[in-house]
Amino acid sequence: MNNVFQTAVNQWRMKPEPLTQNQQVARLYRKSLKVLNSWCIEREIFNEEGTAIRNSIEENRDCSANKASRLIREWEQKIQIDYCHPDPYCVPYMPGGTLFMRNPPIPMEVCFPDGNLPADAPKVLFNPDMTVCKKETGKAATGSLLVDFTMKSMY
């Protein structure tokens, strides 16, 4: 892109509205619960720890704006550095999950090499995460597929 085009785009580009303090705290609380979910397997422990996080947020509800912004910054750093899990929890059927590509169905051309499929044979294709291939959802893993286990995603 040349400089003139970038200048024109920047005139019309919407600037993101700054979040209110309540929105920042709500997002931080939601993120802390997601991080906590990676550490706590049992629901009872998760509820206790989640209540402790909620109580620590409630303690500082009526503080000044400067103190609140400082506490939000400190809590964000604490979550990112201290509590971040080295291998966060992921949904079992997604890449990196325990059910990913477990017992995939055998291709029909292997079961019936002559091409005579029975009438009750399934007519759907499955993705490696065992979801049905649909072009309208963008999840149609036909052909070659790249699975990135480090980022726990597939392309």
Protein backbone atom coordinates (compact mmCIF):
# COMPACT_ATOMS: atom_id res chain seq x y z
CA MET A 1 0.00 0.00 0.00
CA ASN A 2 1.26 3.42 -0.82
CA ASN A 3 1.28 6.39 1.55
CA VAL A 4 -1.78 8.11 -0.02
CA PHE A 5 -3.93 5.02 0.41
CA GLN A 6 -2.82 4.57 4.03
CA THR A 7 -3.67 8.20 4.79
CA ALA A 8 -7.15 7.77 3.30
CA VAL A 9 -7.74 4.58 5.25
CA ASN A 10 -6.59 6.14 8.53
CA GLN A 11 -9.15 8.95 8.13
CA TRP A 12 -12.02 6.48 8.07
CA ARG A 13 -10.65 3.87 10.46
CA MET A 14 -12.61 3.76 13.70
CA LYS A 15 -10.57 4.23 16.82
CA PRO A 16 -11.43 1.67 19.49
CA GLU A 17 -13.36 3.21 22.32
CA PRO A 18 -11.53 3.04 25.63
CA LEU A 19 -12.98 0.51 28.02
CA THR A 20 -14.62 1.64 31.20
CA GLN A 21 -13.19 0.48 34.50
CA ASN A 22 -16.08 -1.96 34.96
CA GLN A 23 -15.45 -3.50 31.55
CA GLN A 24 -11.73 -3.86 32.28
CA VAL A 25 -12.45 -5.56 35.60
CA ALA A 26 -15.07 -7.86 34.02
CA ARG A 27 -12.64 -8.93 31.28
CA LEU A 28 -9.88 -9.44 33.80
CA TYR A 29 -12.16 -11.54 36.01
CA ARG A 30 -13.24 -13.65 33.03
CA LYS A 31 -9.62 -14.15 31.96
CA SER A 32 -8.57 -15.11 35.48
CA LEU A 33 -11.33 -17.74 35.59
CA LYS A 34 -10.16 -19.19 32.26
CA VAL A 35 -6.60 -19.40 33.57
CA LEU A 36 -7.88 -20.94 36.80
CA ASN A 37 -9.73 -23.57 34.74
CA SER A 38 -6.38 -24.76 33.39
CA TRP A 39 -5.06 -25.35 36.92
CA CYS A 40 -8.11 -26.65 38.79
CA ILE A 41 -9.52 -29.92 37.54
CA GLU A 42 -12.11 -30.52 40.26
CA ARG A 43 -15.17 -28.28 40.16
CA GLU A 44 -15.28 -27.89 43.93
CA ILE A 45 -11.75 -26.45 44.06
CA PHE A 46 -12.49 -24.27 41.03
CA ASN A 47 -15.55 -22.81 42.78
CA GLU A 48 -13.58 -22.08 45.96
CA GLU A 49 -10.73 -20.39 44.09
CA GLY A 50 -13.16 -18.50 41.85
CA THR A 51 -14.96 -17.21 44.94
CA ALA A 52 -11.62 -16.10 46.40
CA ILE A 53 -10.83 -14.19 43.19
CA ARG A 54 -14.28 -12.61 43.24
CA ASN A 55 -13.85 -11.58 46.90
CA SER A 56 -10.48 -9.95 46.15
CA ILE A 57 -12.14 -7.94 43.38
CA GLU A 58 -15.07 -6.99 45.63
CA GLU A 59 -12.69 -5.74 48.35
CA ASN A 60 -11.43 -3.01 46.03
CA ARG A 61 -14.79 -2.05 44.54
CA ASP A 62 -14.99 1.49 45.96
CA CYS A 63 -11.39 2.58 45.58
CA SER A 64 -10.14 5.64 43.72
CA ALA A 65 -9.62 5.59 39.96
CA ASN A 66 -5.81 5.78 40.26
CA LYS A 67 -5.65 2.91 42.71
CA ALA A 68 -8.08 0.89 40.57
CA SER A 69 -5.98 1.32 37.41
CA ARG A 70 -2.85 0.34 39.36
CA LEU A 71 -4.56 -2.76 40.77
CA ILE A 72 -5.80 -3.75 37.30
CA ARG A 73 -2.28 -3.49 35.85
CA GLU A 74 -0.81 -5.48 38.75
CA TRP A 75 -3.45 -8.20 38.44
CA GLU A 76 -2.92 -8.49 34.66
CA GLN A 77 0.83 -8.94 35.18
CA LYS A 78 0.20 -11.43 37.96
CA ILE A 79 -2.06 -13.51 35.72
CA GLN A 80 0.33 -13.43 32.76
CA ILE A 81 3.49 -14.20 34.72
CA ASP A 82 2.55 -16.17 37.83
CA TYR A 83 -0.63 -18.03 36.96
CA CYS A 84 -0.29 -18.74 33.24
CA HIS A 85 -0.35 -22.50 32.70
CA PRO A 86 2.44 -23.96 30.51
CA ASP A 87 -0.07 -26.26 28.79
CA PRO A 88 -3.51 -24.64 29.05
CA TYR A 89 -6.69 -26.68 28.98
CA CYS A 90 -8.28 -27.18 25.58
CA VAL A 91 -11.49 -28.81 24.43
CA PRO A 92 -10.86 -32.59 24.17
CA TYR A 93 -11.80 -32.95 20.50
CA MET A 94 -9.65 -30.01 19.29
CA PRO A 95 -5.94 -30.32 18.38
CA GLY A 96 -3.97 -31.06 21.53
CA GLY A 97 -7.02 -32.56 23.27
CA THR A 98 -7.26 -36.15 24.42
CA LEU A 99 -9.94 -37.10 21.88
CA PHE A 100 -8.30 -35.47 18.87
CA MET A 101 -8.13 -37.95 15.98
CA ARG A 102 -8.91 -40.85 18.29
CA ASN A 103 -10.51 -43.74 16.43
CA PRO A 104 -11.14 -41.89 13.17
CA PRO A 105 -13.57 -43.62 10.82
CA ILE A 106 -12.04 -45.77 8.10
CA PRO A 107 -12.44 -44.23 4.64
CA MET A 108 -15.20 -45.81 2.55
CA GLU A 109 -12.84 -46.54 -0.34
CA VAL A 110 -10.81 -48.77 2.02
CA CYS A 111 -13.87 -50.63 3.30
CA PHE A 112 -15.42 -51.03 -0.13
CA PRO A 113 -12.61 -50.94 -2.74
CA ASP A 114 -14.95 -51.97 -5.56
CA GLY A 115 -17.12 -48.87 -4.99
CA ASN A 116 -20.35 -50.73 -4.12
CA LEU A 117 -21.42 -48.83 -1.02
CA PRO A 118 -24.34 -50.20 1.01
CA ALA A 119 -27.51 -48.08 1.10
CA ASP A 120 -27.12 -47.35 4.83
CA ALA A 121 -23.47 -46.23 4.59
CA PRO A 122 -22.87 -42.76 6.04
CA LYS A 123 -22.64 -40.04 3.41
CA VAL A 124 -20.77 -37.47 5.51
CA LEU A 125 -17.06 -36.73 5.83
CA PHE A 126 -15.44 -36.04 9.17
CA ASN A 127 -12.74 -33.55 10.12
CA PRO A 128 -9.81 -34.75 12.25
CA ASP A 129 -11.56 -33.29 15.29
CA MET A 130 -14.51 -35.62 14.51
CA THR A 131 -16.89 -32.80 13.49
CA VAL A 132 -18.85 -33.08 10.26
CA CYS A 133 -17.28 -31.38 7.21
CA LYS A 134 -19.44 -28.44 6.13
CA LYS A 135 -18.42 -25.87 3.56
CA GLU A 136 -20.77 -23.22 4.99
CA THR A 137 -19.04 -23.31 8.38
CA GLY A 138 -15.56 -23.23 6.86
CA LYS A 139 -14.68 -26.54 8.52
CA ALA A 140 -14.18 -28.77 5.52
CA ALA A 141 -10.90 -30.62 5.91
CA THR A 142 -10.73 -32.19 2.48
CA GLY A 143 -7.34 -32.80 0.96
CA SER A 144 -4.20 -32.13 2.94
CA LEU A 145 -4.43 -30.69 6.43
CA LEU A 146 -1.84 -29.06 8.66
CA VAL A 147 -2.24 -29.68 12.37
CA ASP A 148 -0.21 -27.39 14.62
CA PHE A 149 0.01 -29.15 17.99
CA THR A 150 2.00 -26.32 19.59
CA MET A 151 -0.76 -23.77 18.91
CA LYS A 152 -3.48 -26.43 19.19
CA SER A 153 -5.13 -25.56 15.89
CA MET A 154 -5.56 -26.99 12.40
CA TYR A 155 -5.29 -25.30 9.01
